Amino acid sequence: MWNEPSPERLNAIPRIYETEGVALNDKVIHLHFFLGGCDWYAAEFDGEDIFFGYVILNQDHDCAEWGYFSLKELKTVKIDGFLEVDCENEEHWQVRKASQVRGIKWF
């Protein structure tokens, strides 16, 4: 994985179920992972491996959904043996509400 998130960034993410009462459009997206036409947006983290967030695979916005994904699995994804999932670094990713992230459906 390129630009793996630092422990400080991971620790800043609310724990799983911590924002359960927050409407989807108000959930804060802390990290953005991407590769090609795939995007993973993290709103919660279990502190070890599992994120809750929004996932768009292969630019398929109609089938994109909120759910769980694994950091360990993201680290293993490779295309042609060298392209890896990247985590947008702090200089480029602004932590913001899901309603402010283009492509996330929250209704």
N, C-alpha and C. Protein backbone atom coordinates (compact mmCIF):
# COMPACT_ATOMS: atom_id res chain seq x y z
N MET A 1 0.84 -1.18 0.00
CA MET A 1 0.00 0.00 0.00
C MET A 1 0.88 1.24 0.00
N TRP A 2 0.52 2.18 -0.85
CA TRP A 2 1.23 3.45 -0.89
C TRP A 2 0.59 4.38 0.14
N ASN A 3 1.40 5.21 0.77
CA ASN A 3 0.91 6.19 1.75
C ASN A 3 0.01 5.55 2.81
N GLU A 4 0.50 4.49 3.41
CA GLU A 4 -0.26 3.84 4.48
C GLU A 4 -0.57 4.86 5.58
N PRO A 5 -1.81 4.88 6.09
CA PRO A 5 -2.14 5.88 7.12
C PRO A 5 -1.33 5.68 8.39
N SER A 6 -0.92 6.77 8.98
CA SER A 6 -0.12 6.73 10.21
C SER A 6 -1.00 6.29 11.38
N PRO A 7 -0.37 5.80 12.45
CA PRO A 7 -1.13 5.45 13.66
C PRO A 7 -1.93 6.65 14.18
N GLU A 8 -1.40 7.84 14.05
CA GLU A 8 -2.11 9.03 14.51
C GLU A 8 -3.40 9.26 13.71
N ARG A 9 -3.31 9.08 12.42
CA ARG A 9 -4.53 9.23 11.59
C ARG A 9 -5.55 8.15 11.92
N LEU A 10 -5.08 6.94 12.09
CA LEU A 10 -5.99 5.84 12.43
C LEU A 10 -6.64 6.06 13.79
N ASN A 11 -5.87 6.54 14.76
CA ASN A 11 -6.40 6.76 16.11
C ASN A 11 -7.40 7.90 16.17
N ALA A 12 -7.40 8.78 15.18
CA ALA A 12 -8.32 9.91 15.15
C ALA A 12 -9.71 9.52 14.65
N ILE A 13 -9.83 8.31 14.09
CA ILE A 13 -11.11 7.85 13.54
C ILE A 13 -11.97 7.28 14.66
N PRO A 14 -13.25 7.65 14.71
CA PRO A 14 -14.14 7.07 15.74
C PRO A 14 -14.18 5.54 15.61
N ARG A 15 -14.36 4.89 16.71
CA ARG A 15 -14.42 3.42 16.73
C ARG A 15 -15.74 2.94 16.12
N ILE A 16 -15.74 1.70 15.68
CA ILE A 16 -16.94 1.08 15.10
C ILE A 16 -18.12 1.27 16.05
N TYR A 17 -19.25 1.65 15.50
CA TYR A 17 -20.53 1.92 16.18
C TYR A 17 -20.54 3.22 16.98
N GLU A 18 -19.42 3.89 17.08
CA GLU A 18 -19.37 5.13 17.86
C GLU A 18 -20.24 6.23 17.25
N THR A 19 -20.41 6.20 15.93
CA THR A 19 -21.23 7.23 15.27
C THR A 19 -22.53 6.63 14.74
N GLU A 20 -22.96 5.53 15.34
CA GLU A 20 -24.15 4.83 14.86
C GLU A 20 -25.38 5.73 14.81
N GLY A 21 -25.51 6.67 15.74
CA GLY A 21 -26.66 7.56 15.76
C GLY A 21 -26.54 8.75 14.83
N VAL A 22 -25.44 8.85 14.12
CA VAL A 22 -25.21 9.98 13.20
C VAL A 22 -25.76 9.61 11.82
N ALA A 23 -26.53 10.51 11.25
CA ALA A 23 -27.06 10.28 9.89
C ALA A 23 -25.92 10.08 8.91
N LEU A 24 -26.15 9.26 7.89
CA LEU A 24 -25.08 8.96 6.92
C LEU A 24 -24.50 10.22 6.30
N ASN A 25 -25.32 11.19 5.98
CA ASN A 25 -24.80 12.41 5.35
C ASN A 25 -23.93 13.23 6.30
N ASP A 26 -24.09 13.02 7.62
CA ASP A 26 -23.30 13.74 8.61
C ASP A 26 -22.08 12.97 9.11
N LYS A 27 -21.95 11.70 8.71
CA LYS A 27 -20.77 10.94 9.13
C LYS A 27 -19.53 11.61 8.55
N VAL A 28 -18.49 11.68 9.36
CA VAL A 28 -17.24 12.31 8.93
C VAL A 28 -16.37 11.27 8.26
N ILE A 29 -15.88 11.59 7.08
CA ILE A 29 -14.99 10.69 6.32
C ILE A 29 -13.55 11.10 6.64
N HIS A 30 -12.83 10.18 7.27
CA HIS A 30 -11.47 10.48 7.75
C HIS A 30 -10.38 10.08 6.77
N LEU A 31 -10.61 9.01 6.01
CA LEU A 31 -9.59 8.53 5.08
C LEU A 31 -10.21 8.20 3.74
N HIS A 32 -9.42 8.35 2.69
CA HIS A 32 -9.82 7.97 1.34
C HIS A 32 -8.74 7.07 0.76
N PHE A 33 -9.11 5.82 0.48
CA PHE A 33 -8.23 4.87 -0.20
C PHE A 33 -8.71 4.77 -1.64
N PHE A 34 -7.80 4.56 -2.59
CA PHE A 34 -8.22 4.47 -3.98
C PHE A 34 -7.25 3.65 -4.81
N LEU A 35 -7.78 3.14 -5.91
CA LEU A 35 -6.99 2.43 -6.91
C LEU A 35 -7.83 2.39 -8.17
N GLY A 36 -7.33 2.98 -9.23
CA GLY A 36 -8.09 3.01 -10.47
C GLY A 36 -9.45 3.63 -10.25
N GLY A 37 -10.51 2.95 -10.61
CA GLY A 37 -11.87 3.44 -10.44
C GLY A 37 -12.52 2.99 -9.15
N CYS A 38 -11.74 2.59 -8.18
CA CYS A 38 -12.27 2.12 -6.90
C CYS A 38 -11.91 3.10 -5.79
N ASP A 39 -12.88 3.34 -4.91
CA ASP A 39 -12.69 4.26 -3.79
C ASP A 39 -13.26 3.66 -2.52
N TRP A 40 -12.51 3.77 -1.43
CA TRP A 40 -12.95 3.33 -0.12
C TRP A 40 -12.83 4.54 0.81
N TYR A 41 -13.94 4.91 1.45
CA TYR A 41 -13.98 6.07 2.34
C TYR A 41 -14.25 5.58 3.76
N ALA A 42 -13.38 5.91 4.70
CA ALA A 42 -13.48 5.41 6.07
C ALA A 42 -14.09 6.43 7.02
N ALA A 43 -15.16 6.00 7.73
CA ALA A 43 -15.82 6.85 8.72
C ALA A 43 -15.60 6.33 10.14
N GLU A 44 -15.43 5.02 10.29
CA GLU A 44 -15.19 4.40 11.61
C GLU A 44 -14.11 3.33 11.45
N PHE A 45 -13.48 2.98 12.56
CA PHE A 45 -12.38 2.00 12.54
C PHE A 45 -12.41 1.22 13.85
N ASP A 46 -12.14 -0.07 13.78
CA ASP A 46 -12.16 -0.88 15.00
C ASP A 46 -10.86 -0.80 15.80
N GLY A 47 -9.89 -0.07 15.28
CA GLY A 47 -8.62 0.07 15.97
C GLY A 47 -7.58 -0.96 15.57
N GLU A 48 -8.00 -1.95 14.78
CA GLU A 48 -7.07 -3.00 14.36
C GLU A 48 -7.07 -3.23 12.85
N ASP A 49 -8.27 -3.47 12.26
CA ASP A 49 -8.30 -3.87 10.86
C ASP A 49 -9.56 -3.42 10.11
N ILE A 50 -10.68 -3.34 10.74
CA ILE A 50 -11.96 -3.16 10.05
C ILE A 50 -12.41 -1.70 10.07
N PHE A 51 -12.78 -1.22 8.88
CA PHE A 51 -13.36 0.11 8.72
C PHE A 51 -14.84 -0.02 8.41
N PHE A 52 -15.61 0.99 8.78
CA PHE A 52 -16.97 1.16 8.27
C PHE A 52 -16.92 2.42 7.43
N GLY A 53 -17.49 2.34 6.25
CA GLY A 53 -17.48 3.50 5.38
C GLY A 53 -18.22 3.24 4.09
N TYR A 54 -17.86 3.96 3.08
CA TYR A 54 -18.54 3.91 1.79
C TYR A 54 -17.56 3.39 0.74
N VAL A 55 -18.05 2.47 -0.12
CA VAL A 55 -17.18 1.86 -1.12
C VAL A 55 -17.81 1.96 -2.50
N ILE A 56 -16.99 2.41 -3.45
CA ILE A 56 -17.37 2.46 -4.86
C ILE A 56 -16.36 1.59 -5.60
N LEU A 57 -16.83 0.52 -6.23
CA LEU A 57 -15.93 -0.36 -6.98
C LEU A 57 -16.14 -0.17 -8.48
N ASN A 58 -15.06 -0.05 -9.20
CA ASN A 58 -15.07 0.06 -10.66
C ASN A 58 -15.99 1.18 -11.15
N GLN A 59 -16.01 2.29 -10.45
CA GLN A 59 -16.82 3.47 -10.81
C GLN A 59 -18.31 3.15 -10.92
N ASP A 60 -18.75 2.07 -10.27
CA ASP A 60 -20.16 1.66 -10.32
C ASP A 60 -20.91 2.34 -9.18
N HIS A 61 -21.34 3.56 -9.41
CA HIS A 61 -22.02 4.34 -8.38
C HIS A 61 -23.40 3.78 -8.05
N ASP A 62 -24.01 3.06 -8.99
CA ASP A 62 -25.33 2.48 -8.73
C ASP A 62 -25.26 1.35 -7.70
N CYS A 63 -24.16 0.64 -7.65
CA CYS A 63 -24.01 -0.47 -6.70
C CYS A 63 -23.12 -0.12 -5.51
N ALA A 64 -22.66 1.11 -5.43
CA ALA A 64 -21.83 1.54 -4.30
C ALA A 64 -22.67 1.51 -3.04
N GLU A 65 -22.01 1.27 -1.88
CA GLU A 65 -22.78 1.17 -0.65
C GLU A 65 -21.94 1.40 0.60
N TRP A 66 -22.64 1.64 1.69
CA TRP A 66 -22.03 1.73 3.02
C TRP A 66 -21.83 0.32 3.53
N GLY A 67 -20.69 0.08 4.19
CA GLY A 67 -20.43 -1.25 4.74
C GLY A 67 -19.04 -1.31 5.35
N TYR A 68 -18.57 -2.53 5.53
CA TYR A 68 -17.29 -2.78 6.21
C TYR A 68 -16.24 -3.23 5.21
N PHE A 69 -14.99 -2.81 5.45
CA PHE A 69 -13.87 -3.28 4.63
C PHE A 69 -12.63 -3.38 5.51
N SER A 70 -11.68 -4.17 5.04
CA SER A 70 -10.51 -4.54 5.83
C SER A 70 -9.24 -3.84 5.35
N LEU A 71 -8.49 -3.26 6.28
CA LEU A 71 -7.20 -2.66 5.96
C LEU A 71 -6.23 -3.72 5.47
N LYS A 72 -6.21 -4.87 6.13
CA LYS A 72 -5.31 -5.95 5.72
C LYS A 72 -5.58 -6.37 4.28
N GLU A 73 -6.85 -6.47 3.91
CA GLU A 73 -7.18 -6.85 2.53
C GLU A 73 -6.80 -5.76 1.54
N LEU A 74 -7.03 -4.50 1.91
CA LEU A 74 -6.63 -3.41 1.01
C LEU A 74 -5.13 -3.45 0.73
N LYS A 75 -4.36 -3.83 1.74
CA LYS A 75 -2.90 -3.88 1.58
C LYS A 75 -2.47 -4.97 0.60
N THR A 76 -3.32 -5.96 0.35
CA THR A 76 -2.95 -7.06 -0.54
C THR A 76 -3.37 -6.85 -1.99
N VAL A 77 -4.21 -5.84 -2.24
CA VAL A 77 -4.73 -5.61 -3.59
C VAL A 77 -3.62 -5.04 -4.47
N LYS A 78 -3.40 -5.73 -5.60
CA LYS A 78 -2.39 -5.28 -6.57
C LYS A 78 -2.91 -5.55 -7.97
N ILE A 79 -2.56 -4.66 -8.89
CA ILE A 79 -2.89 -4.84 -10.29
C ILE A 79 -1.59 -4.97 -11.06
N ASP A 80 -1.52 -5.99 -11.87
CA ASP A 80 -0.32 -6.27 -12.67
C ASP A 80 0.94 -6.39 -11.81
N GLY A 81 0.75 -6.74 -10.54
CA GLY A 81 1.88 -6.99 -9.67
C GLY A 81 2.57 -5.77 -9.10
N PHE A 82 2.17 -4.57 -9.53
CA PHE A 82 2.87 -3.40 -9.00
C PHE A 82 1.95 -2.23 -8.61
N LEU A 83 0.79 -2.10 -9.19
CA LEU A 83 -0.12 -1.02 -8.78
C LEU A 83 -0.82 -1.42 -7.49
N GLU A 84 -0.75 -0.57 -6.48
CA GLU A 84 -1.32 -0.88 -5.17
C GLU A 84 -2.32 0.19 -4.76
N VAL A 85 -3.16 -0.18 -3.79
CA VAL A 85 -4.09 0.78 -3.21
C VAL A 85 -3.28 1.91 -2.57
N ASP A 86 -3.76 3.11 -2.70
CA ASP A 86 -3.11 4.29 -2.13
C ASP A 86 -4.06 4.91 -1.11
N CYS A 87 -3.51 5.52 -0.09
CA CYS A 87 -4.30 6.29 0.87
C CYS A 87 -3.94 7.75 0.65
N GLU A 88 -4.96 8.54 0.35
CA GLU A 88 -4.70 9.95 0.10
C GLU A 88 -4.10 10.59 1.36
N ASN A 89 -2.97 11.25 1.20
CA ASN A 89 -2.28 11.79 2.37
C ASN A 89 -2.93 13.08 2.86
N GLU A 90 -2.50 13.50 4.04
CA GLU A 90 -3.13 14.64 4.71
C GLU A 90 -3.09 15.93 3.92
N GLU A 91 -2.07 16.11 3.11
CA GLU A 91 -1.98 17.33 2.31
C GLU A 91 -3.07 17.41 1.25
N HIS A 92 -3.59 16.25 0.85
CA HIS A 92 -4.58 16.22 -0.23
C HIS A 92 -5.98 15.85 0.22
N TRP A 93 -6.11 15.19 1.37
CA TRP A 93 -7.43 14.78 1.83
C TRP A 93 -7.87 15.64 3.01
N GLN A 94 -8.98 16.31 2.84
CA GLN A 94 -9.56 17.12 3.90
C GLN A 94 -10.67 16.31 4.57
N VAL A 95 -10.54 16.06 5.87
CA VAL A 95 -11.57 15.36 6.62
C VAL A 95 -12.84 16.20 6.53
N ARG A 96 -13.95 15.53 6.13
CA ARG A 96 -15.21 16.26 5.95
C ARG A 96 -16.39 15.31 6.01
N LYS A 97 -17.59 15.89 6.07
CA LYS A 97 -18.81 15.10 6.13
C LYS A 97 -19.03 14.36 4.80
N ALA A 98 -19.70 13.22 4.89
CA ALA A 98 -20.00 12.43 3.69
C ALA A 98 -20.76 13.24 2.66
N SER A 99 -21.64 14.12 3.11
CA SER A 99 -22.43 14.93 2.17
C SER A 99 -21.56 15.88 1.36
N GLN A 100 -20.32 16.08 1.78
CA GLN A 100 -19.40 16.98 1.08
C GLN A 100 -18.41 16.24 0.19
N VAL A 101 -18.53 14.90 0.15
CA VAL A 101 -17.63 14.09 -0.68
C VAL A 101 -18.37 13.71 -1.96
N ARG A 102 -17.83 14.18 -3.06
CA ARG A 102 -18.45 13.88 -4.36
C ARG A 102 -18.46 12.37 -4.59
N GLY A 103 -19.60 11.85 -4.95
CA GLY A 103 -19.71 10.42 -5.24
C GLY A 103 -20.36 9.59 -4.14
N ILE A 104 -20.38 10.10 -2.91
CA ILE A 104 -21.01 9.34 -1.83
C ILE A 104 -22.51 9.61 -1.81
N LYS A 105 -23.27 8.53 -1.88
CA LYS A 105 -24.72 8.62 -1.75
C LYS A 105 -25.08 8.36 -0.30
N TRP A 106 -25.89 9.17 0.28
CA TRP A 106 -26.24 9.01 1.67
C TRP A 106 -27.72 8.94 1.92
N PHE A 107 -28.52 8.95 0.88
CA PHE A 107 -29.97 8.88 1.06
C PHE A 107 -30.48 7.52 0.66
